[in-house]
Amino acid sequence: MTCWHNPRCSKSRQGLALLQEHGAAVEVRRYLDDPPTIEELRAVLARLGLEPVAMMRTGEARFRELGLSRDSDPETLLGAMAENPILIERPIAIARDRAVIGRPPEALLALVDAPQG
């Protein structure tokens, strides 16, 4: 399992700790230092089953600075996340064909408790 993690975020730290406490083998990706590509973002969105805006921190100042809105074109939002990873919601855990946004952090446990297929 991979966890897109921001160590400065308390919810991200809580989510990572929960995964580890439940025995998940977690590879940590500090996505602010190692931003995902647009292709990686698309793959995670497909696993999440969500539109790009649903995995964005729309309250982040950078979101407004870029002139983005919840109605912005999905491709524009993908590009914004690739270029400004601070806009990506955190944490996100990815395991095989599924992904979960850790808001609340306990949501990540769905990947630990679910059969891996």
N, C-alpha and C. Protein backbone atom coordinates (compact mmCIF):
# COMPACT_ATOMS: atom_id res chain seq x y z
N MET A 1 0.84 -1.17 0.00
CA MET A 1 0.00 0.00 0.00
C MET A 1 0.89 1.24 0.00
N THR A 2 0.48 2.23 -0.75
CA THR A 2 1.20 3.50 -0.78
C THR A 2 0.33 4.56 -0.12
N CYS A 3 0.96 5.43 0.64
CA CYS A 3 0.24 6.53 1.28
C CYS A 3 0.86 7.84 0.84
N TRP A 4 0.06 8.68 0.16
CA TRP A 4 0.50 10.03 -0.16
C TRP A 4 0.36 10.83 1.11
N HIS A 5 1.48 11.28 1.63
CA HIS A 5 1.56 11.80 3.00
C HIS A 5 2.23 13.16 3.05
N ASN A 6 1.70 14.02 3.92
CA ASN A 6 2.33 15.30 4.24
C ASN A 6 2.59 15.28 5.74
N PRO A 7 3.85 15.14 6.17
CA PRO A 7 4.15 15.02 7.59
C PRO A 7 3.79 16.26 8.41
N ARG A 8 3.56 17.39 7.76
CA ARG A 8 3.17 18.59 8.50
C ARG A 8 1.68 18.64 8.81
N CYS A 9 0.92 17.73 8.22
CA CYS A 9 -0.54 17.71 8.39
C CYS A 9 -0.91 16.71 9.48
N SER A 10 -1.65 17.17 10.49
CA SER A 10 -2.03 16.28 11.60
C SER A 10 -2.92 15.13 11.13
N LYS A 11 -3.85 15.39 10.20
CA LYS A 11 -4.73 14.31 9.70
C LYS A 11 -3.91 13.28 8.92
N SER A 12 -2.93 13.75 8.18
CA SER A 12 -2.08 12.83 7.44
C SER A 12 -1.25 11.97 8.40
N ARG A 13 -0.72 12.59 9.44
CA ARG A 13 0.04 11.82 10.44
C ARG A 13 -0.86 10.81 11.13
N GLN A 14 -2.08 11.22 11.48
CA GLN A 14 -3.03 10.30 12.13
C GLN A 14 -3.36 9.13 11.22
N GLY A 15 -3.60 9.43 9.94
CA GLY A 15 -3.94 8.37 8.99
C GLY A 15 -2.82 7.36 8.82
N LEU A 16 -1.60 7.85 8.66
CA LEU A 16 -0.45 6.97 8.52
C LEU A 16 -0.28 6.12 9.78
N ALA A 17 -0.42 6.72 10.94
CA ALA A 17 -0.29 5.97 12.19
C ALA A 17 -1.35 4.88 12.29
N LEU A 18 -2.57 5.19 11.90
CA LEU A 18 -3.65 4.18 11.94
C LEU A 18 -3.33 3.00 11.04
N LEU A 19 -2.87 3.29 9.83
CA LEU A 19 -2.51 2.20 8.91
C LEU A 19 -1.43 1.32 9.51
N GLN A 20 -0.41 1.95 10.07
CA GLN A 20 0.70 1.19 10.65
C GLN A 20 0.24 0.41 11.88
N GLU A 21 -0.61 1.01 12.72
CA GLU A 21 -1.12 0.32 13.91
C GLU A 21 -1.94 -0.91 13.54
N HIS A 22 -2.57 -0.89 12.36
CA HIS A 22 -3.38 -2.02 11.92
C HIS A 22 -2.59 -3.00 11.05
N GLY A 23 -1.27 -2.86 11.06
CA GLY A 23 -0.41 -3.84 10.42
C GLY A 23 -0.23 -3.69 8.93
N ALA A 24 -0.64 -2.56 8.36
CA ALA A 24 -0.47 -2.37 6.92
C ALA A 24 1.00 -2.10 6.60
N ALA A 25 1.47 -2.74 5.55
CA ALA A 25 2.81 -2.45 5.04
C ALA A 25 2.66 -1.22 4.15
N VAL A 26 3.17 -0.10 4.63
CA VAL A 26 2.93 1.18 3.96
C VAL A 26 4.22 1.75 3.40
N GLU A 27 4.16 2.08 2.12
CA GLU A 27 5.24 2.84 1.48
C GLU A 27 4.78 4.29 1.49
N VAL A 28 5.54 5.15 2.13
CA VAL A 28 5.17 6.56 2.26
C VAL A 28 5.71 7.34 1.07
N ARG A 29 4.84 8.10 0.46
CA ARG A 29 5.25 9.01 -0.61
C ARG A 29 4.95 10.43 -0.14
N ARG A 30 6.00 11.18 0.06
CA ARG A 30 5.84 12.58 0.45
C ARG A 30 5.55 13.36 -0.83
N TYR A 31 4.27 13.44 -1.14
CA TYR A 31 3.85 13.93 -2.44
C TYR A 31 4.18 15.40 -2.69
N LEU A 32 4.46 16.18 -1.64
CA LEU A 32 4.89 17.57 -1.87
C LEU A 32 6.32 17.60 -2.41
N ASP A 33 7.14 16.64 -2.00
CA ASP A 33 8.52 16.53 -2.47
C ASP A 33 8.62 15.72 -3.76
N ASP A 34 7.68 14.81 -3.97
CA ASP A 34 7.66 13.91 -5.12
C ASP A 34 6.25 13.95 -5.73
N PRO A 35 5.91 15.06 -6.42
CA PRO A 35 4.54 15.23 -6.90
C PRO A 35 4.14 14.18 -7.93
N PRO A 36 2.89 13.73 -7.86
CA PRO A 36 2.40 12.78 -8.86
C PRO A 36 2.23 13.47 -10.21
N THR A 37 2.39 12.69 -11.26
CA THR A 37 2.16 13.17 -12.62
C THR A 37 0.65 13.21 -12.88
N ILE A 38 0.29 13.83 -13.98
CA ILE A 38 -1.13 13.84 -14.36
C ILE A 38 -1.63 12.41 -14.56
N GLU A 39 -0.80 11.55 -15.13
CA GLU A 39 -1.20 10.15 -15.34
C GLU A 39 -1.43 9.44 -14.01
N GLU A 40 -0.55 9.69 -13.04
CA GLU A 40 -0.73 9.09 -11.71
C GLU A 40 -2.00 9.62 -11.05
N LEU A 41 -2.24 10.91 -11.19
CA LEU A 41 -3.47 11.49 -10.63
C LEU A 41 -4.70 10.85 -11.26
N ARG A 42 -4.68 10.66 -12.57
CA ARG A 42 -5.82 10.01 -13.26
C ARG A 42 -6.03 8.59 -12.72
N ALA A 43 -4.94 7.86 -12.55
CA ALA A 43 -5.05 6.48 -12.06
C ALA A 43 -5.64 6.43 -10.65
N VAL A 44 -5.21 7.35 -9.79
CA VAL A 44 -5.76 7.38 -8.43
C VAL A 44 -7.22 7.80 -8.44
N LEU A 45 -7.56 8.77 -9.27
CA LEU A 45 -8.96 9.19 -9.38
C LEU A 45 -9.84 8.03 -9.83
N ALA A 46 -9.35 7.23 -10.77
CA ALA A 46 -10.12 6.07 -11.22
C ALA A 46 -10.33 5.10 -10.07
N ARG A 47 -9.31 4.89 -9.25
CA ARG A 47 -9.44 3.99 -8.09
C ARG A 47 -10.38 4.57 -7.04
N LEU A 48 -10.36 5.89 -6.91
CA LEU A 48 -11.26 6.56 -5.96
C LEU A 48 -12.70 6.58 -6.47
N GLY A 49 -12.86 6.61 -7.80
CA GLY A 49 -14.19 6.75 -8.39
C GLY A 49 -14.74 8.16 -8.22
N LEU A 50 -13.85 9.15 -8.26
CA LEU A 50 -14.24 10.53 -8.01
C LEU A 50 -13.81 11.44 -9.16
N GLU A 51 -14.39 12.63 -9.16
CA GLU A 51 -13.97 13.70 -10.07
C GLU A 51 -12.78 14.42 -9.44
N PRO A 52 -11.94 15.09 -10.23
CA PRO A 52 -10.75 15.74 -9.69
C PRO A 52 -11.03 16.69 -8.51
N VAL A 53 -12.07 17.47 -8.58
CA VAL A 53 -12.32 18.44 -7.51
C VAL A 53 -12.52 17.76 -6.16
N ALA A 54 -12.98 16.51 -6.15
CA ALA A 54 -13.23 15.80 -4.90
C ALA A 54 -11.95 15.40 -4.18
N MET A 55 -10.81 15.42 -4.87
CA MET A 55 -9.56 15.10 -4.19
C MET A 55 -8.67 16.34 -4.04
N MET A 56 -9.34 17.51 -4.08
CA MET A 56 -8.60 18.76 -3.97
C MET A 56 -8.94 19.49 -2.68
N ARG A 57 -7.96 20.23 -2.21
CA ARG A 57 -8.12 21.10 -1.05
C ARG A 57 -8.61 22.45 -1.57
N THR A 58 -9.93 22.55 -1.75
CA THR A 58 -10.51 23.75 -2.36
C THR A 58 -10.43 24.97 -1.45
N GLY A 59 -10.18 24.77 -0.18
CA GLY A 59 -10.03 25.89 0.75
C GLY A 59 -8.60 26.43 0.80
N GLU A 60 -7.71 25.77 0.11
CA GLU A 60 -6.30 26.18 0.07
C GLU A 60 -6.18 27.52 -0.68
N ALA A 61 -5.37 28.43 -0.15
CA ALA A 61 -5.20 29.74 -0.79
C ALA A 61 -4.77 29.60 -2.25
N ARG A 62 -3.92 28.63 -2.54
CA ARG A 62 -3.42 28.45 -3.91
C ARG A 62 -4.56 28.16 -4.88
N PHE A 63 -5.60 27.47 -4.42
CA PHE A 63 -6.78 27.16 -5.25
C PHE A 63 -7.40 28.47 -5.75
N ARG A 64 -7.58 29.42 -4.84
CA ARG A 64 -8.15 30.72 -5.21
C ARG A 64 -7.18 31.53 -6.06
N GLU A 65 -5.90 31.50 -5.69
CA GLU A 65 -4.89 32.27 -6.44
C GLU A 65 -4.84 31.86 -7.90
N LEU A 66 -5.09 30.59 -8.17
CA LEU A 66 -5.07 30.08 -9.54
C LEU A 66 -6.38 30.35 -10.28
N GLY A 67 -7.35 30.94 -9.57
CA GLY A 67 -8.64 31.23 -10.19
C GLY A 67 -9.49 30.00 -10.42
N LEU A 68 -9.24 28.96 -9.64
CA LEU A 68 -9.99 27.71 -9.79
C LEU A 68 -11.31 27.78 -9.04
N SER A 69 -12.25 26.95 -9.47
CA SER A 69 -13.53 26.82 -8.76
C SER A 69 -13.96 25.36 -8.83
N ARG A 70 -14.98 25.03 -8.09
CA ARG A 70 -15.51 23.67 -8.12
C ARG A 70 -16.04 23.31 -9.51
N ASP A 71 -16.33 24.32 -10.31
CA ASP A 71 -16.85 24.11 -11.66
C ASP A 71 -15.78 24.14 -12.74
N SER A 72 -14.52 24.28 -12.34
CA SER A 72 -13.44 24.31 -13.33
C SER A 72 -13.39 22.98 -14.09
N ASP A 73 -12.89 23.06 -15.32
CA ASP A 73 -12.74 21.89 -16.16
C ASP A 73 -11.86 20.84 -15.48
N PRO A 74 -12.25 19.57 -15.50
CA PRO A 74 -11.45 18.52 -14.85
C PRO A 74 -9.99 18.48 -15.29
N GLU A 75 -9.72 18.71 -16.58
CA GLU A 75 -8.33 18.71 -17.05
C GLU A 75 -7.54 19.87 -16.45
N THR A 76 -8.19 21.01 -16.28
CA THR A 76 -7.55 22.16 -15.64
C THR A 76 -7.21 21.83 -14.20
N LEU A 77 -8.14 21.16 -13.51
CA LEU A 77 -7.91 20.78 -12.11
C LEU A 77 -6.78 19.76 -12.00
N LEU A 78 -6.74 18.79 -12.90
CA LEU A 78 -5.64 17.81 -12.90
C LEU A 78 -4.30 18.50 -13.08
N GLY A 79 -4.23 19.39 -14.04
CA GLY A 79 -2.99 20.13 -14.28
C GLY A 79 -2.58 20.95 -13.07
N ALA A 80 -3.56 21.56 -12.42
CA ALA A 80 -3.27 22.37 -11.24
C ALA A 80 -2.70 21.51 -10.12
N MET A 81 -3.25 20.31 -9.93
CA MET A 81 -2.74 19.42 -8.88
C MET A 81 -1.33 18.95 -9.20
N ALA A 82 -1.07 18.64 -10.48
CA ALA A 82 0.26 18.17 -10.87
C ALA A 82 1.30 19.27 -10.65
N GLU A 83 0.93 20.50 -10.93
CA GLU A 83 1.87 21.62 -10.79
C GLU A 83 1.91 22.20 -9.38
N ASN A 84 0.86 21.97 -8.60
CA ASN A 84 0.73 22.53 -7.25
C ASN A 84 0.24 21.43 -6.31
N PRO A 85 1.10 20.48 -5.95
CA PRO A 85 0.64 19.33 -5.16
C PRO A 85 0.03 19.71 -3.81
N ILE A 86 0.25 20.93 -3.33
CA ILE A 86 -0.38 21.37 -2.09
C ILE A 86 -1.91 21.31 -2.21
N LEU A 87 -2.41 21.29 -3.44
CA LEU A 87 -3.85 21.24 -3.68
C LEU A 87 -4.44 19.84 -3.51
N ILE A 88 -3.60 18.82 -3.42
CA ILE A 88 -4.09 17.44 -3.30
C ILE A 88 -4.49 17.17 -1.85
N GLU A 89 -5.70 16.65 -1.70
CA GLU A 89 -6.18 16.27 -0.37
C GLU A 89 -5.26 15.21 0.21
N ARG A 90 -5.18 15.18 1.52
CA ARG A 90 -4.28 14.24 2.19
C ARG A 90 -4.92 13.69 3.44
N PRO A 91 -4.49 12.53 3.81
CA PRO A 91 -3.68 11.56 3.07
C PRO A 91 -4.54 10.78 2.08
N ILE A 92 -3.89 10.16 1.13
CA ILE A 92 -4.56 9.24 0.21
C ILE A 92 -3.78 7.94 0.26
N ALA A 93 -4.50 6.85 0.50
CA ALA A 93 -3.87 5.53 0.50
C ALA A 93 -4.32 4.79 -0.75
N ILE A 94 -3.38 4.09 -1.36
CA ILE A 94 -3.63 3.38 -2.61
C ILE A 94 -3.17 1.93 -2.43
N ALA A 95 -4.07 1.01 -2.70
CA ALA A 95 -3.74 -0.41 -2.59
C ALA A 95 -4.38 -1.13 -3.78
N ARG A 96 -3.54 -1.61 -4.65
CA ARG A 96 -3.96 -2.33 -5.86
C ARG A 96 -4.99 -1.54 -6.64
N ASP A 97 -6.24 -2.01 -6.69
CA ASP A 97 -7.25 -1.35 -7.53
C ASP A 97 -8.14 -0.39 -6.76
N ARG A 98 -7.78 -0.07 -5.52
CA ARG A 98 -8.61 0.83 -4.70
C ARG A 98 -7.76 1.94 -4.12
N ALA A 99 -8.43 3.04 -3.81
CA ALA A 99 -7.79 4.16 -3.12
C ALA A 99 -8.83 4.79 -2.22
N VAL A 100 -8.35 5.43 -1.15
CA VAL A 100 -9.23 6.09 -0.19
C VAL A 100 -8.58 7.38 0.26
N ILE A 101 -9.39 8.42 0.34
CA ILE A 101 -8.93 9.68 0.93
C ILE A 101 -9.17 9.57 2.43
N GLY A 102 -8.16 9.88 3.22
CA GLY A 102 -8.24 9.75 4.67
C GLY A 102 -8.88 10.93 5.37
N ARG A 103 -10.08 11.27 4.98
CA ARG A 103 -10.86 12.31 5.64
C ARG A 103 -12.20 11.72 6.00
N PRO A 104 -12.41 11.30 7.22
CA PRO A 104 -11.50 11.30 8.35
C PRO A 104 -10.43 10.22 8.20
N PRO A 105 -9.37 10.30 9.00
CA PRO A 105 -8.29 9.32 8.89
C PRO A 105 -8.77 7.86 8.97
N GLU A 106 -9.80 7.61 9.74
CA GLU A 106 -10.32 6.24 9.91
C GLU A 106 -10.81 5.65 8.58
N ALA A 107 -11.14 6.50 7.62
CA ALA A 107 -11.60 6.00 6.31
C ALA A 107 -10.54 5.13 5.64
N LEU A 108 -9.27 5.37 5.96
CA LEU A 108 -8.18 4.59 5.37
C LEU A 108 -8.25 3.11 5.76
N LEU A 109 -8.86 2.83 6.88
CA LEU A 109 -8.92 1.44 7.35
C LEU A 109 -9.72 0.55 6.42
N ALA A 110 -10.54 1.13 5.55
CA ALA A 110 -11.27 0.33 4.57
C ALA A 110 -10.31 -0.47 3.69
N LEU A 111 -9.12 0.06 3.46
CA LEU A 111 -8.13 -0.66 2.65
C LEU A 111 -7.43 -1.75 3.43
N VAL A 112 -7.34 -1.59 4.74
CA VAL A 112 -6.69 -2.59 5.59
C VAL A 112 -7.64 -3.76 5.81
N ASP A 113 -8.92 -3.45 6.04
CA ASP A 113 -9.89 -4.48 6.37
C ASP A 113 -10.45 -5.21 5.16
N ALA A 114 -10.31 -4.59 3.98
CA ALA A 114 -10.88 -5.20 2.76
C ALA A 114 -9.94 -6.26 2.21
N PRO A 115 -10.51 -7.30 1.62
CA PRO A 115 -9.67 -8.29 0.94
C PRO A 115 -8.94 -7.63 -0.22
N GLN A 116 -7.69 -7.97 -0.39
CA GLN A 116 -6.90 -7.39 -1.48
C GLN A 116 -7.02 -8.27 -2.70
N GLY A 117 -7.49 -7.66 -3.80
CA GLY A 117 -7.66 -8.45 -5.01
C GLY A 117 -7.23 -7.76 -6.23
